[in-house]
PDB file of all heavy atoms in Angstrom:
ATOM      1  N   ALA A   1       2.786  -0.503  -3.130  1.00  0.00           N
ATOM      2  CA  ALA A   1       1.850  -1.522  -3.580  1.00  0.00           C
ATOM      3  C   ALA A   1       2.386  -2.482  -4.621  1.00  0.00           C
ATOM      4  O   ALA A   1       2.181  -3.664  -4.549  1.00  0.00           O
ATOM      5  CB  ALA A   1       0.559  -0.813  -4.103  1.00  0.00           C
ATOM      6  N   ILE A   2       3.146  -1.915  -5.556  1.00  0.00           N
ATOM      7  CA  ILE A   2       3.760  -2.715  -6.603  1.00  0.00           C
ATOM      8  C   ILE A   2       4.757  -3.667  -5.990  1.00  0.00           C
ATOM      9  O   ILE A   2       4.796  -4.894  -6.268  1.00  0.00           O
ATOM     10  CB  ILE A   2       4.443  -1.861  -7.657  1.00  0.00           C
ATOM     11  CG1 ILE A   2       3.438  -1.012  -8.455  1.00  0.00           C
ATOM     12  CG2 ILE A   2       5.269  -2.680  -8.641  1.00  0.00           C
ATOM     13  CD1 ILE A   2       2.437  -1.817  -9.275  1.00  0.00           C
ATOM     14  N   VAL A   3       5.610  -3.170  -5.126  1.00  0.00           N
ATOM     15  CA  VAL A   3       6.618  -4.017  -4.525  1.00  0.00           C
ATOM     16  C   VAL A   3       5.984  -5.118  -3.604  1.00  0.00           C
ATOM     17  O   VAL A   3       6.324  -6.232  -3.686  1.00  0.00           O
ATOM     18  CB  VAL A   3       7.667  -3.223  -3.715  1.00  0.00           C
ATOM     19  CG1 VAL A   3       8.620  -4.144  -2.986  1.00  0.00           C
ATOM     20  CG2 VAL A   3       8.414  -2.288  -4.625  1.00  0.00           C
ATOM     21  N   ALA A   4       4.929  -4.696  -2.873  1.00  0.00           N
ATOM     22  CA  ALA A   4       4.253  -5.645  -2.060  1.00  0.00           C
ATOM     23  C   ALA A   4       3.567  -6.704  -2.914  1.00  0.00           C
ATOM     24  O   ALA A   4       3.639  -7.943  -2.544  1.00  0.00           O
ATOM     25  CB  ALA A   4       3.171  -4.951  -1.178  1.00  0.00           C
ATOM     26  N   HIS A   5       2.918  -6.365  -3.964  1.00  0.00           N
ATOM     27  CA  HIS A   5       2.233  -7.294  -4.804  1.00  0.00           C
ATOM     28  C   HIS A   5       3.121  -8.331  -5.458  1.00  0.00           C
ATOM     29  O   HIS A   5       2.752  -9.448  -5.638  1.00  0.00           O
ATOM     30  CB  HIS A   5       1.411  -6.582  -5.904  1.00  0.00           C
ATOM     31  CG  HIS A   5       0.442  -7.387  -6.643  1.00  0.00           C
ATOM     32  ND1 HIS A   5      -0.800  -7.750  -6.130  1.00  0.00           N
ATOM     33  CD2 HIS A   5       0.550  -7.949  -7.901  1.00  0.00           C
ATOM     34  CE1 HIS A   5      -1.356  -8.494  -7.003  1.00  0.00           C
ATOM     35  NE2 HIS A   5      -0.646  -8.659  -8.045  1.00  0.00           N
ATOM     36  N   PHE A   6       4.313  -7.800  -5.796  1.00  0.00           N
ATOM     37  CA  PHE A   6       5.278  -8.713  -6.540  1.00  0.00           C
ATOM     38  C   PHE A   6       6.404  -9.273  -5.668  1.00  0.00           C
ATOM     39  O   PHE A   6       7.408  -9.683  -6.185  1.00  0.00           O
ATOM     40  CB  PHE A   6       5.790  -8.019  -7.758  1.00  0.00           C
ATOM     41  CG  PHE A   6       4.726  -7.788  -8.818  1.00  0.00           C
ATOM     42  CD1 PHE A   6       4.211  -6.496  -9.002  1.00  0.00           C
ATOM     43  CD2 PHE A   6       4.232  -8.822  -9.544  1.00  0.00           C
ATOM     44  CE1 PHE A   6       3.164  -6.315  -9.955  1.00  0.00           C
ATOM     45  CE2 PHE A   6       3.233  -8.628 -10.467  1.00  0.00           C
ATOM     46  CZ  PHE A   6       2.698  -7.377 -10.702  1.00  0.00           C
ATOM     47  N   THR A   7       6.301  -9.241  -4.362  1.00  0.00           N
ATOM     48  CA  THR A   7       7.189  -9.816  -3.381  1.00  0.00           C
ATOM     49  C   THR A   7       6.673 -11.141  -2.896  1.00  0.00           C
ATOM     50  O   THR A   7       5.561 -11.160  -2.354  1.00  0.00           O
ATOM     51  CB  THR A   7       7.520  -8.862  -2.279  1.00  0.00           C
ATOM     52  OG1 THR A   7       8.152  -7.692  -2.736  1.00  0.00           O
ATOM     53  CG2 THR A   7       8.450  -9.557  -1.253  1.00  0.00           C
ATOM     54  N   PRO A   8       7.412 -12.251  -3.126  1.00  0.00           N
ATOM     55  CA  PRO A   8       6.893 -13.548  -2.678  1.00  0.00           C
ATOM     56  C   PRO A   8       6.614 -13.531  -1.185  1.00  0.00           C
ATOM     57  O   PRO A   8       7.369 -13.010  -0.396  1.00  0.00           O
ATOM     58  CB  PRO A   8       8.009 -14.514  -3.010  1.00  0.00           C
ATOM     59  CG  PRO A   8       8.780 -13.807  -4.103  1.00  0.00           C
ATOM     60  CD  PRO A   8       8.631 -12.389  -3.834  1.00  0.00           C
ATOM     61  N   ASP A   9       5.452 -14.101  -0.800  1.00  0.00           N
ATOM     62  CA  ASP A   9       5.021 -14.282   0.559  1.00  0.00           C
ATOM     63  C   ASP A   9       4.772 -12.958   1.323  1.00  0.00           C
ATOM     64  O   ASP A   9       4.689 -12.967   2.513  1.00  0.00           O
ATOM     65  CB  ASP A   9       6.015 -15.168   1.259  1.00  0.00           C
ATOM     66  CG  ASP A   9       5.942 -16.588   0.756  1.00  0.00           C
ATOM     67  OD1 ASP A   9       4.852 -17.043   0.311  1.00  0.00           O
ATOM     68  OD2 ASP A   9       6.989 -17.253   0.764  1.00  0.00           O
ATOM     69  N   ALA A  10       4.702 -11.829   0.595  1.00  0.00           N
ATOM     70  CA  ALA A  10       4.308 -10.636   1.327  1.00  0.00           C
ATOM     71  C   ALA A  10       2.888 -10.690   1.744  1.00  0.00           C
ATOM     72  O   ALA A  10       2.081 -11.383   1.143  1.00  0.00           O
ATOM     73  CB  ALA A  10       4.567  -9.398   0.390  1.00  0.00           C
ATOM     74  N   ASP A  11       2.592  -9.940   2.793  1.00  0.00           N
ATOM     75  CA  ASP A  11       1.152  -9.920   3.156  1.00  0.00           C
ATOM     76  C   ASP A  11       0.317  -9.301   2.055  1.00  0.00           C
ATOM     77  O   ASP A  11       0.861  -8.363   1.357  1.00  0.00           O
ATOM     78  CB  ASP A  11       1.002  -8.985   4.427  1.00  0.00           C
ATOM     79  CG  ASP A  11       1.707  -9.627   5.703  1.00  0.00           C
ATOM     80  OD1 ASP A  11       1.689 -10.873   5.752  1.00  0.00           O
ATOM     81  OD2 ASP A  11       2.205  -8.864   6.483  1.00  0.00           O
ATOM     82  N   PRO A  12      -0.848  -9.742   1.851  1.00  0.00           N
ATOM     83  CA  PRO A  12      -1.659  -9.237   0.722  1.00  0.00           C
ATOM     84  C   PRO A  12      -1.953  -7.732   0.854  1.00  0.00           C
ATOM     85  O   PRO A  12      -2.192  -7.247   1.886  1.00  0.00           O
ATOM     86  CB  PRO A  12      -2.946 -10.047   0.813  1.00  0.00           C
ATOM     87  CG  PRO A  12      -2.640 -11.260   1.658  1.00  0.00           C
ATOM     88  CD  PRO A  12      -1.532 -10.812   2.565  1.00  0.00           C
ATOM     89  N   VAL A  13      -1.917  -7.120  -0.301  1.00  0.00           N
ATOM     90  CA  VAL A  13      -2.397  -5.655  -0.381  1.00  0.00           C
ATOM     91  C   VAL A  13      -3.869  -5.643  -0.205  1.00  0.00           C
ATOM     92  O   VAL A  13      -4.628  -6.257  -0.997  1.00  0.00           O
ATOM     93  CB  VAL A  13      -1.938  -5.059  -1.722  1.00  0.00           C
ATOM     94  CG1 VAL A  13      -2.465  -3.595  -1.895  1.00  0.00           C
ATOM     95  CG2 VAL A  13      -0.408  -5.117  -1.877  1.00  0.00           C
ATOM     96  N   ARG A  14      -4.352  -4.897   0.760  1.00  0.00           N
ATOM     97  CA  ARG A  14      -5.799  -4.855   0.967  1.00  0.00           C
ATOM     98  C   ARG A  14      -6.437  -3.580   0.426  1.00  0.00           C
ATOM     99  O   ARG A  14      -7.580  -3.603   0.077  1.00  0.00           O
ATOM    100  CB  ARG A  14      -6.109  -4.889   2.499  1.00  0.00           C
ATOM    101  CG  ARG A  14      -5.635  -6.196   3.192  1.00  0.00           C
ATOM    102  CD  ARG A  14      -6.353  -7.380   2.655  1.00  0.00           C
ATOM    103  NE  ARG A  14      -5.862  -8.569   3.389  1.00  0.00           N
ATOM    104  CZ  ARG A  14      -6.230  -9.780   3.177  1.00  0.00           C
ATOM    105  NH1 ARG A  14      -7.121  -9.965   2.210  1.00  0.00           N
ATOM    106  NH2 ARG A  14      -5.769 -10.702   3.859  1.00  0.00           N
ATOM    107  N   LYS A  15      -5.610  -2.490   0.455  1.00  0.00           N
ATOM    108  CA  LYS A  15      -6.185  -1.206  -0.041  1.00  0.00           C
ATOM    109  C   LYS A  15      -5.053  -0.328  -0.422  1.00  0.00           C
ATOM    110  O   LYS A  15      -3.985  -0.322   0.212  1.00  0.00           O
ATOM    111  CB  LYS A  15      -7.024  -0.565   1.055  1.00  0.00           C
ATOM    112  CG  LYS A  15      -7.753   0.711   0.597  1.00  0.00           C
ATOM    113  CD  LYS A  15      -8.494   1.416   1.727  1.00  0.00           C
ATOM    114  CE  LYS A  15      -9.759   0.705   1.959  1.00  0.00           C
ATOM    115  NZ  LYS A  15     -10.649   1.438   2.897  1.00  0.00           N
ATOM    116  N   VAL A  16      -5.286   0.481  -1.437  1.00  0.00           N
ATOM    117  CA  VAL A  16      -4.323   1.508  -1.862  1.00  0.00           C
ATOM    118  C   VAL A  16      -5.106   2.801  -2.143  1.00  0.00           C
ATOM    119  O   VAL A  16      -6.152   2.767  -2.789  1.00  0.00           O
ATOM    120  CB  VAL A  16      -3.584   1.100  -3.240  1.00  0.00           C
ATOM    121  CG1 VAL A  16      -2.561   2.170  -3.574  1.00  0.00           C
ATOM    122  CG2 VAL A  16      -2.976  -0.251  -3.098  1.00  0.00           C
ATOM    123  N   THR A  17      -4.592   3.891  -1.586  1.00  0.00           N
ATOM    124  CA  THR A  17      -5.351   5.155  -1.771  1.00  0.00           C
ATOM    125  C   THR A  17      -4.338   6.301  -1.921  1.00  0.00           C
ATOM    126  O   THR A  17      -3.223   6.211  -1.458  1.00  0.00           O
ATOM    127  CB  THR A  17      -6.266   5.480  -0.660  1.00  0.00           C
ATOM    128  OG1 THR A  17      -6.979   6.661  -0.893  1.00  0.00           O
ATOM    129  CG2 THR A  17      -5.567   5.591   0.713  1.00  0.00           C
ATOM    130  N   ILE A  18      -4.779   7.245  -2.742  1.00  0.00           N
ATOM    131  CA  ILE A  18      -3.990   8.531  -2.810  1.00  0.00           C
ATOM    132  C   ILE A  18      -4.604   9.618  -2.045  1.00  0.00           C
ATOM    133  O   ILE A  18      -4.184  10.752  -2.111  1.00  0.00           O
ATOM    134  CB  ILE A  18      -3.827   8.978  -4.328  1.00  0.00           C
ATOM    135  CG1 ILE A  18      -5.134   9.178  -4.969  1.00  0.00           C
ATOM    136  CG2 ILE A  18      -2.897   7.972  -5.061  1.00  0.00           C
ATOM    137  CD1 ILE A  18      -5.084   9.755  -6.380  1.00  0.00           C
ATOM    138  N   VAL A  19      -5.621   9.281  -1.196  1.00  0.00           N
ATOM    139  CA  VAL A  19      -6.257  10.259  -0.292  1.00  0.00           C
ATOM    140  C   VAL A  19      -5.211  10.406   0.829  1.00  0.00           C
ATOM    141  O   VAL A  19      -4.820   9.513   1.484  1.00  0.00           O
ATOM    142  CB  VAL A  19      -7.595   9.757   0.183  1.00  0.00           C
ATOM    143  CG1 VAL A  19      -8.152  10.742   1.224  1.00  0.00           C
ATOM    144  CG2 VAL A  19      -8.527   9.570  -0.952  1.00  0.00           C
ATOM    145  N   PRO A  20      -4.803  11.676   1.064  1.00  0.00           N
ATOM    146  CA  PRO A  20      -3.766  11.923   2.121  1.00  0.00           C
ATOM    147  C   PRO A  20      -4.300  11.534   3.475  1.00  0.00           C
ATOM    148  O   PRO A  20      -5.495  11.738   3.811  1.00  0.00           O
ATOM    149  CB  PRO A  20      -3.567  13.448   2.052  1.00  0.00           C
ATOM    150  CG  PRO A  20      -4.021  13.882   0.704  1.00  0.00           C
ATOM    151  CD  PRO A  20      -5.122  12.912   0.318  1.00  0.00           C
ATOM    152  N   ARG A  21      -3.440  10.890   4.331  1.00  0.00           N
ATOM    153  CA  ARG A  21      -3.791  10.498   5.653  1.00  0.00           C
ATOM    154  C   ARG A  21      -2.672  11.063   6.527  1.00  0.00           C
ATOM    155  O   ARG A  21      -1.531  10.608   6.471  1.00  0.00           O
ATOM    156  CB  ARG A  21      -3.851   9.009   5.812  1.00  0.00           C
ATOM    157  CG  ARG A  21      -4.779   8.290   4.872  1.00  0.00           C
ATOM    158  CD  ARG A  21      -6.123   8.186   5.500  1.00  0.00           C
ATOM    159  NE  ARG A  21      -6.960   7.276   4.814  1.00  0.00           N
ATOM    160  CZ  ARG A  21      -7.999   7.657   4.049  1.00  0.00           C
ATOM    161  NH1 ARG A  21      -8.284   8.881   3.906  1.00  0.00           N
ATOM    162  NH2 ARG A  21      -8.776   6.706   3.434  1.00  0.00           N
ATOM    163  N   GLY A  22      -2.952  12.026   7.413  1.00  0.00           N
ATOM    164  CA  GLY A  22      -1.869  12.611   8.276  1.00  0.00           C
ATOM    165  C   GLY A  22      -0.848  13.267   7.400  1.00  0.00           C
ATOM    166  O   GLY A  22      -1.139  14.016   6.439  1.00  0.00           O
ATOM    167  N   ARG A  23       0.376  12.819   7.638  1.00  0.00           N
ATOM    168  CA  ARG A  23       1.538  13.368   6.856  1.00  0.00           C
ATOM    169  C   ARG A  23       1.714  12.505   5.572  1.00  0.00           C
ATOM    170  O   ARG A  23       2.535  12.951   4.723  1.00  0.00           O
ATOM    171  CB  ARG A  23       2.764  13.363   7.735  1.00  0.00           C
ATOM    172  CG  ARG A  23       2.679  14.367   8.799  1.00  0.00           C
ATOM    173  CD  ARG A  23       3.868  14.385   9.772  1.00  0.00           C
ATOM    174  NE  ARG A  23       5.135  14.425   9.017  1.00  0.00           N
ATOM    175  CZ  ARG A  23       6.333  14.286   9.589  1.00  0.00           C
ATOM    176  NH1 ARG A  23       6.382  14.235  10.889  1.00  0.00           N
ATOM    177  NH2 ARG A  23       7.390  14.358   8.860  1.00  0.00           N
ATOM    178  N   ALA A  24       1.067  11.437   5.454  1.00  0.00           N
ATOM    179  CA  ALA A  24       1.255  10.597   4.266  1.00  0.00           C
ATOM    180  C   ALA A  24       0.451  11.147   3.114  1.00  0.00           C
ATOM    181  O   ALA A  24      -0.729  11.515   3.274  1.00  0.00           O
ATOM    182  CB  ALA A  24       0.796   9.125   4.552  1.00  0.00           C
ATOM    183  N   LEU A  25       0.950  11.095   1.883  1.00  0.00           N
ATOM    184  CA  LEU A  25       0.302  11.604   0.713  1.00  0.00           C
ATOM    185  C   LEU A  25      -0.614  10.579   0.154  1.00  0.00           C
ATOM    186  O   LEU A  25      -1.408  10.797  -0.696  1.00  0.00           O
ATOM    187  CB  LEU A  25       1.276  12.052  -0.276  1.00  0.00           C
ATOM    188  CG  LEU A  25       2.174  13.201   0.126  1.00  0.00           C
ATOM    189  CD1 LEU A  25       3.191  13.557  -0.890  1.00  0.00           C
ATOM    190  CD2 LEU A  25       1.351  14.421   0.475  1.00  0.00           C
ATOM    191  N   GLY A  26      -0.512   9.351   0.633  1.00  0.00           N
ATOM    192  CA  GLY A  26      -1.305   8.239   0.262  1.00  0.00           C
ATOM    193  C   GLY A  26      -0.967   7.028   1.092  1.00  0.00           C
ATOM    194  O   GLY A  26       0.021   7.111   1.877  1.00  0.00           O
ATOM    195  N   VAL A  27      -1.668   5.964   1.014  1.00  0.00           N
ATOM    196  CA  VAL A  27      -1.452   4.830   1.924  1.00  0.00           C
ATOM    197  C   VAL A  27      -1.692   3.494   1.203  1.00  0.00           C
ATOM    198  O   VAL A  27      -2.591   3.427   0.344  1.00  0.00           O
ATOM    199  CB  VAL A  27      -2.415   4.892   3.108  1.00  0.00           C
ATOM    200  CG1 VAL A  27      -2.268   3.645   4.034  1.00  0.00           C
ATOM    201  CG2 VAL A  27      -2.234   6.165   3.927  1.00  0.00           C
ATOM    202  N   MET A  28      -0.875   2.509   1.457  1.00  0.00           N
ATOM    203  CA  MET A  28      -1.028   1.166   0.984  1.00  0.00           C
ATOM    204  C   MET A  28      -1.157   0.330   2.237  1.00  0.00           C
ATOM    205  O   MET A  28      -0.303   0.385   3.167  1.00  0.00           O
ATOM    206  CB  MET A  28       0.167   0.696   0.146  1.00  0.00           C
ATOM    207  CG  MET A  28       0.075  -0.680  -0.458  1.00  0.00           C
ATOM    208  SD  MET A  28       0.570  -2.117   0.496  1.00  0.00           S
ATOM    209  CE  MET A  28       2.204  -1.707   0.939  1.00  0.00           C
ATOM    210  N   MET A  29      -2.302  -0.418   2.388  1.00  0.00           N
ATOM    211  CA  MET A  29      -2.479  -1.229   3.542  1.00  0.00           C
ATOM    212  C   MET A  29      -2.371  -2.703   3.152  1.00  0.00           C
ATOM    213  O   MET A  29      -2.905  -3.177   2.182  1.00  0.00           O
ATOM    214  CB  MET A  29      -3.836  -0.936   4.144  1.00  0.00           C
ATOM    215  CG  MET A  29      -3.942   0.469   4.711  1.00  0.00           C
ATOM    216  SD  MET A  29      -5.548   0.723   5.546  1.00  0.00           S
ATOM    217  CE  MET A  29      -6.574   1.174   4.194  1.00  0.00           C
TER     218      MET A  29
END
């Protein structure tokens, strides 16, 4: 999320969660 937020012209961060999803320990969308 930090890299996405501070990278020029990256797609906007819509959601960040630490709730595990599948094998991921958290998700940034």
